[in-house]
Structures are given as structure tokens and as C-alpha cells.
Protein backbone atom coordinates (compact mmCIF):
# COMPACT_ATOMS: atom_id res chain seq x y z
CA MET A 1 69.46 117.12 76.65
CA SER A 2 70.17 118.79 79.74
CA ARG A 3 73.29 118.35 81.48
CA LEU A 4 71.38 117.87 84.74
CA PHE A 5 69.26 115.95 82.96
CA HIS A 6 71.53 113.50 81.08
CA PHE A 7 73.15 112.84 84.49
CA ALA A 8 70.20 111.86 85.93
CA LEU A 9 70.01 109.30 83.32
CA LEU A 10 73.58 108.12 84.08
CA PHE A 11 72.19 107.37 87.48
CA VAL A 12 69.55 105.43 86.58
CA ALA A 13 71.88 103.54 84.01
CA PHE A 14 74.76 102.84 86.85
CA VAL A 15 71.92 102.15 89.69
CA SER A 16 69.29 100.14 87.81
CA PRO A 17 71.78 97.00 86.41
CA ALA A 18 72.04 95.60 90.48
CA CYS A 19 67.68 96.39 90.03
CA ALA A 20 66.79 94.11 87.03
CA GLN A 21 68.69 92.57 84.31
CA ASP A 22 68.81 93.76 80.93
CA ASP A 23 68.39 91.06 77.76
CA ASP A 24 70.51 93.06 75.29
CA LYS A 25 73.63 93.44 77.56
CA ILE A 26 76.52 91.36 77.71
CA ALA A 27 76.46 91.24 81.63
CA CYS A 28 76.57 89.84 85.23
CA TYR A 29 74.66 91.28 88.64
CA THR A 30 74.11 89.46 91.42
CA TYR A 31 70.96 90.27 91.87
CA PRO A 32 69.51 89.02 90.15
CA LYS A 33 71.34 86.56 89.80
CA THR A 34 72.99 85.79 86.57
CA THR A 35 73.94 82.35 85.32
CA GLU A 36 74.80 83.04 82.11
CA SER A 37 78.60 83.71 80.91
CA TYR A 38 79.04 85.48 77.68
CA LYS A 39 81.82 85.31 75.21
CA LYS A 40 82.29 88.19 72.26
CA LYS A 41 84.96 88.80 69.44
CA LEU A 42 86.76 91.63 69.53
CA TRP A 43 89.74 92.68 67.15
CA ASP A 44 93.33 91.66 66.38
CA GLY A 45 92.47 87.97 67.57
CA TYR A 46 91.39 89.95 71.23
CA GLU A 47 88.01 88.34 72.79
CA ILE A 48 85.60 88.53 76.02
CA SER A 49 84.90 86.35 78.43
CA LEU A 50 82.43 87.15 81.35
CA GLY A 51 80.06 85.83 83.58
CA PRO A 52 80.05 84.63 87.52
CA ALA A 53 83.22 83.31 88.80
CA ARG A 54 83.61 80.10 89.67
CA ASN A 55 85.60 81.03 93.12
CA ALA A 56 83.27 84.20 93.95
CA ALA A 57 82.27 84.07 97.51
CA GLY A 58 78.83 85.01 97.31
CA GLY A 59 77.54 87.92 97.30
CA GLY A 60 81.39 89.44 98.61
CA GLY A 61 81.33 91.92 95.99
CA ASP A 62 83.84 88.81 93.77
CA ASP A 63 80.76 87.23 92.40
CA CYS A 64 80.53 88.38 88.94
CA THR A 65 83.82 88.80 86.29
CA ALA A 66 84.79 89.87 82.93
CA ALA A 67 88.88 89.35 81.14
CA ILE A 68 90.23 89.84 78.48
CA TYR A 69 92.02 87.19 76.27
CA ASN A 70 94.85 87.80 73.37
CA ALA A 71 94.55 85.19 70.37
CA VAL A 72 96.63 82.49 72.66
CA GLY A 73 93.81 82.63 75.46
CA LYS A 74 95.89 84.70 77.84
CA VAL A 75 94.09 86.54 80.11
CA VAL A 76 95.39 90.30 79.82
CA PHE A 77 93.07 92.00 81.65
CA ARG A 78 90.56 91.39 83.74
CA THR A 79 87.89 92.81 86.31
CA THR A 80 85.55 91.26 88.98
CA GLY A 81 82.95 93.31 91.21
CA PHE A 82 78.93 92.76 92.51
CA GLY A 83 78.15 93.09 88.89
CA VAL A 84 80.43 94.01 85.78
CA ILE A 85 78.82 94.90 82.21
CA PHE A 86 81.11 94.50 79.21
CA ASP A 87 79.82 98.55 77.94
CA GLU A 88 78.95 98.61 73.66
CA ASP A 89 78.11 102.00 73.20
CA HIS A 90 81.73 103.24 74.18
CA THR A 91 83.97 100.33 73.28
CA GLY A 92 85.68 100.94 69.59
CA ASP A 93 86.02 104.21 70.74
CA ASP A 94 89.90 106.27 71.44
CA PHE A 95 89.77 107.89 74.38
CA ASP A 96 93.58 108.06 74.57
CA GLY A 97 94.55 109.44 70.33
CA ASP A 98 96.44 107.31 69.40
CA GLY A 99 94.02 105.75 67.17
CA LYS A 100 93.02 102.68 68.44
CA PRO A 101 89.87 101.56 69.72
CA GLU A 102 89.39 100.89 73.37
CA VAL A 103 88.01 97.85 75.74
CA VAL A 104 85.17 99.45 77.97
CA PHE A 105 83.23 97.70 81.08
CA MET A 106 81.23 98.82 84.08
CA THR A 107 82.53 97.66 87.36
CA ASP A 108 79.95 97.35 90.12
CA GLU A 109 82.75 97.63 93.11
CA SER A 110 79.92 98.82 96.01
CA GLY A 111 79.47 95.90 96.97
CA GLY A 112 75.87 96.16 96.22
CA ALA A 113 75.00 99.96 97.33
CA HIS A 114 74.54 100.66 93.91
CA CYS A 115 76.57 103.43 94.19
CA CYS A 116 80.32 103.39 92.86
CA TRP A 117 80.32 102.01 89.24
CA VAL A 118 82.66 102.84 87.59
CA TYR A 119 83.92 102.74 83.00
CA ASN A 120 86.69 100.51 83.20
CA ILE A 121 89.40 101.83 80.25
CA VAL A 122 91.08 99.27 78.47
CA SER A 123 93.49 99.82 75.71
CA LEU A 124 94.93 96.66 73.81
CA ALA A 125 97.66 98.76 72.17
CA PRO A 126 101.01 98.25 71.52
CA LYS A 127 99.70 95.41 73.88
CA PRO A 128 96.66 95.53 76.64
CA HIS A 129 96.78 97.84 79.61
CA LYS A 130 94.29 99.90 81.81
CA LEU A 131 94.07 103.22 81.05
CA PHE A 132 92.00 104.63 83.92
CA ASP A 133 89.22 103.99 86.03
CA LEU A 134 86.92 106.69 86.52
CA GLY A 135 83.14 107.16 87.69
CA PRO A 136 79.77 108.34 85.24
CA GLY A 137 80.14 110.89 83.02
CA ASP A 138 79.84 112.53 79.88
CA PHE A 139 81.66 111.33 77.24
CA VAL A 140 81.94 113.70 74.12
CA LYS A 141 84.75 114.61 71.06
CA ASP A 142 85.74 118.03 70.33
CA LYS A 143 85.88 119.79 67.43
CA ASP A 144 89.15 117.53 66.14
CA GLY A 145 87.82 114.34 67.57
CA ARG A 146 89.65 114.39 70.86
CA MET A 147 87.78 112.59 74.08
CA LEU A 148 86.16 114.84 76.64
CA ILE A 149 85.34 113.54 79.26
CA TRP A 150 82.97 115.28 81.59
CA GLN A 151 82.07 114.63 85.47
CA ARG A 152 79.85 116.05 87.96
CA ILE A 153 81.76 116.56 91.28
CA GLY A 154 79.88 116.64 94.67
CA GLY A 155 80.91 118.69 97.21
CA THR A 156 79.83 119.60 101.02
CA THR A 157 76.94 117.51 101.99
CA GLU A 158 76.60 118.77 105.29
CA TYR A 159 74.14 121.88 104.35
CA THR A 160 71.68 120.26 101.86
CA SER A 161 69.61 117.41 101.49
CA GLU A 162 71.05 114.88 98.96
CA ALA A 163 68.76 116.54 95.98
CA ASP A 164 69.74 119.27 97.37
CA ARG A 165 73.51 118.37 97.29
CA PRO A 166 75.92 120.76 95.37
CA TYR A 167 77.72 119.62 92.05
CA ALA A 168 80.04 121.72 89.24
CA GLU A 169 81.30 120.52 86.29
CA GLN A 170 84.94 118.87 86.13
CA VAL A 171 86.62 118.84 82.54
CA PHE A 172 89.04 115.71 81.55
CA ARG A 173 91.14 114.95 78.60
CA VAL A 174 93.26 111.91 78.29
CA ARG A 175 97.35 112.71 77.03
CA GLY A 176 100.24 109.78 77.48
CA GLY A 177 97.01 107.41 78.84
CA LYS A 178 96.04 109.58 82.04
CA LEU A 179 93.16 112.28 82.76
CA VAL A 180 94.52 115.74 82.10
CA ASP A 181 91.85 118.65 83.87
CA ALA A 182 91.60 120.47 81.23
CA THR A 183 88.52 122.32 83.07
CA PRO A 184 89.39 125.57 82.77
CA GLU A 185 89.46 125.86 79.36
CA PHE A 186 85.88 125.54 79.50
CA CYS A 187 85.23 127.92 81.96
CA GLY A 188 84.04 130.84 79.87
CA LYS A 189 81.37 128.75 78.94
CA LEU A 190 79.75 127.82 82.52
CA PHE A 191 79.81 130.68 83.19
CA SER A 192 77.83 132.70 80.93
CA ALA A 193 74.03 132.68 80.02
CA GLY A 194 72.26 129.44 79.15
CA SER A 195 74.75 127.10 80.63
CA GLU A 196 72.34 125.18 83.19
CA ASP A 197 73.92 125.86 86.67
CA TYR A 198 75.07 129.64 85.22
CA ASP A 199 71.37 130.14 84.82
CA VAL A 200 70.40 128.85 88.26
CA TRP A 201 73.00 130.48 89.95
CA THR A 202 71.65 133.53 88.51
CA ARG A 203 68.38 133.04 89.27
CA VAL A 204 68.74 132.20 93.40
CA LEU A 205 71.53 134.29 94.35
CA THR A 206 69.63 137.74 94.66
CA ALA A 207 71.18 140.24 96.33
CA GLU A 208 67.99 139.46 98.25
CA ASN A 209 68.33 135.96 98.63
CA ILE A 210 71.45 136.43 99.80
CA LYS A 211 70.80 138.53 102.80
CA LYS A 212 68.62 136.17 103.84
CA LEU A 213 71.50 133.21 103.90
CA GLN A 214 73.59 135.51 105.53
CA SER A 215 70.65 136.15 108.41
CA ALA A 216 70.30 132.47 108.79
CA LYS A 217 72.09 130.63 112.16
CA LYS A 218 72.65 127.48 110.49
CA PRO A 219 71.60 127.29 106.18
CA GLY A 220 70.20 123.76 105.64
CA VAL A 221 69.09 120.42 106.44
CA ALA A 222 70.86 121.21 110.09
CA GLY A 223 69.28 124.99 110.53
CA GLU A 224 67.31 127.06 108.41
CA ILE A 225 65.85 124.69 105.94
CA ASP A 226 63.55 127.61 103.18
CA VAL A 227 67.18 128.62 102.86
CA GLU A 228 68.75 124.96 101.29
CA GLU A 229 68.18 126.11 97.56
CA ILE A 230 70.44 129.40 98.62
CA ALA A 231 72.94 127.78 100.35
CA SER A 232 73.08 124.75 97.39
CA ALA A 233 73.06 127.25 94.86
CA LEU A 234 75.74 129.57 96.61
CA LEU A 235 78.59 126.27 97.52
CA SER A 236 78.08 124.95 93.76
CA ARG A 237 79.65 128.45 92.26
CA ALA A 238 82.28 128.35 94.76
CA GLU A 239 82.70 124.79 93.67
CA GLN A 240 82.65 125.57 89.87
CA ARG A 241 85.01 128.71 90.74
CA VAL A 242 87.37 126.51 92.50
CA LEU A 243 87.54 123.42 89.48
CA CYS A 244 88.24 126.74 87.28
CA HIS A 245 91.50 127.91 89.02
CA GLN A 246 89.86 130.52 90.43
CA PHE A 247 90.40 130.65 93.82
CA ASP A 248 89.82 134.22 95.28
CA GLU A 249 86.38 134.41 93.44
CA ALA A 250 85.88 131.02 95.23
CA VAL A 251 86.75 132.64 98.67
CA ALA A 252 84.62 135.14 98.17
CA ASP A 253 81.62 133.72 97.45
CA LEU A 254 82.49 131.34 100.61
CA ASN A 255 82.89 134.79 102.59
CA LEU A 256 79.14 135.60 101.88
CA TRP A 257 78.50 132.88 103.55
CA SER A 258 75.89 133.26 106.88
CA GLU A 259 79.07 134.79 109.61
CA ALA A 260 77.41 132.25 112.20
CA SER A 261 78.55 129.56 110.75
CA ARG A 262 80.96 130.25 108.16
CA ASP A 263 84.06 129.18 109.86
CA GLU A 264 82.43 126.17 109.83
CA MET A 265 81.37 125.74 106.41
CA LYS A 266 84.75 126.90 105.47
CA ASP A 267 86.00 123.60 107.18
CA ASN A 268 83.76 120.96 105.77
CA PHE A 269 84.15 122.67 102.07
CA ALA A 270 88.08 122.17 102.67
CA GLU A 271 87.44 118.72 103.72
CA SER A 272 85.32 118.32 100.19
CA MET A 273 87.89 120.06 98.28
CA LYS A 274 91.04 117.88 98.68
CA ASP A 275 90.65 114.90 96.45
CA VAL A 276 89.97 116.88 93.47
CA SER A 277 91.39 120.62 94.90
CA PRO A 278 94.16 120.03 97.38
CA GLU A 279 95.61 123.81 96.67
CA PHE A 280 93.17 125.31 97.38
CA ALA A 281 91.81 122.66 100.53
CA LYS A 282 95.73 123.71 101.94
CA ARG A 283 95.08 127.51 101.16
CA LEU A 284 91.37 127.31 103.15
CA GLU A 285 93.40 125.68 105.93
CA LEU A 286 95.77 127.75 106.31
CA GLU A 287 93.68 131.47 105.87
CA GLN A 288 91.34 129.67 108.14
CA ALA A 289 93.76 128.87 110.81
CA LYS A 290 94.72 132.70 111.36
């Protein structure tokens, strides 16, 4: 399955719960409104309870709740949102490498905007605690059985439609109960033939197309729409280079942009990178200030 198609499926999975209830899921939704509550036993005496929140304000993002109870009935974890799903597919996986299974919920924190379902990863050992929250991702295990989390990270939206928004891959491992960036380990694969993104860059970023991009005054939806695909491919490759810590190569890519709007693009690109690579964003800002 291609990674693009996989993430399209993930998008549907994260959006569709707000549109239709699945009778096979232990889940609560605000619309259509869930009235049923669920309980399910886990292991070591733990149990979950999930359903409509008793004291919800109604439509305010606190309509659904899920909790984990210990053997004496004490709540050791709770999540509340516009919707909550007990993720039976990933509950039982070992995320932090301690040999113990984790509990996984999905919580809609968007207030019903259908954009912001997050995974809540909860460890019960040696005592209950939340490991982390994260957005849609692809959970896979490496050859040693350790969990890898692949995520598609969106870039600047100033020069493309949402459909052509630039994206790049970021990969995490879990160490010491925390997410650790492991992207550079996989950059050889990401920048070689057979990688879906790399194949797109190779096809689109030809010398002829780069010249076409450079002749545009302001590429993208705000300007020349016919170079949107080229703009998206170049910004995606630059973003991937940033996530691979290839900063010089990323700057070289950005310098291929149309000179007429290059400074503005770099400002927007730096802003989009502040959360995922503050180091590169700062470097670009300093270069722009010279």
C-alpha cells in the first residue's frame, strides 16, 4: 500500500467517526449523539468506561469521556472531547519498549471541526501514566520489534491548494517514555528511488520545470496556478531535507524559488518549521535578516 494512500485512509478514519457511528467500535460521538455507555476489562484488574459525559455542557467539546479504573475503582486516567474512541487495534501494543502493553484512545479535541483527532497513549506500568498524545500516524515495528511512529508533517499553505499542500515524513521512536525524533535514520530510504515522495520529486522537479517556477512572479494559488505542482514538490523536498537535518541542501532548494517572491516564501517556510525544527527556522530567519 502506498504511503499516500495509507494516510488518505487515516484521514478518513479520523474524520468519519463524526459522521457515522460504527456499531463495532467502543466509541462515543456528539453527532450523531451517542447514548450508550461501554465498559471493558483490560488486564491486571484495570477496566475502561466510555460514553457520554454526565456533566457535559452540550456541544462544547466535553460531550464524551473515557476513563481507566484500577482494581479498587479509582480513576487513573481520563480523556474528554467532542468524541472518544477506544482503539482496540493498538491497545495491547508495547510503545515504550518496557515489555508491557499500552492502552490507546482516540480523542476529538477539535470541538467538532473533524480535523483534530489525537491518539492518547497510556502506560499502566509500573503505575498508570500518559506517555504522550499524537496526531494521525502509521505505527509499525522495526526488525527488532521496537515501535516506530511515522507521521506526515504539513508545510506552508501559502502557495498551494490544500490538495497540493507540501508534506514530509517524520519518524519517531519512544525512549524513556518520550517521543524521540529518528527521522535521519531513514533519510537514505526517503531520498532513493522507490520512495513515493522521491519519485514525485524526480518526475516534477526537472530543469525545465524549475525554470518555469523561477519565471513565475508568485507561484501557487495566490498567483500562477499552473506551477502549483512544481511549487508543492520543491517545498516538500525542502521540508524533508529539514526533517533529515540536511539544512544546507534545504536552503539550496529554497533558493531555486522565483526570485520575485523568494524572501516572502522563506519567511513563510521558516514560520511553518518553527514547531518541528526551531533550529532551522532560526537559521533561515537570521539569513533573511542580513
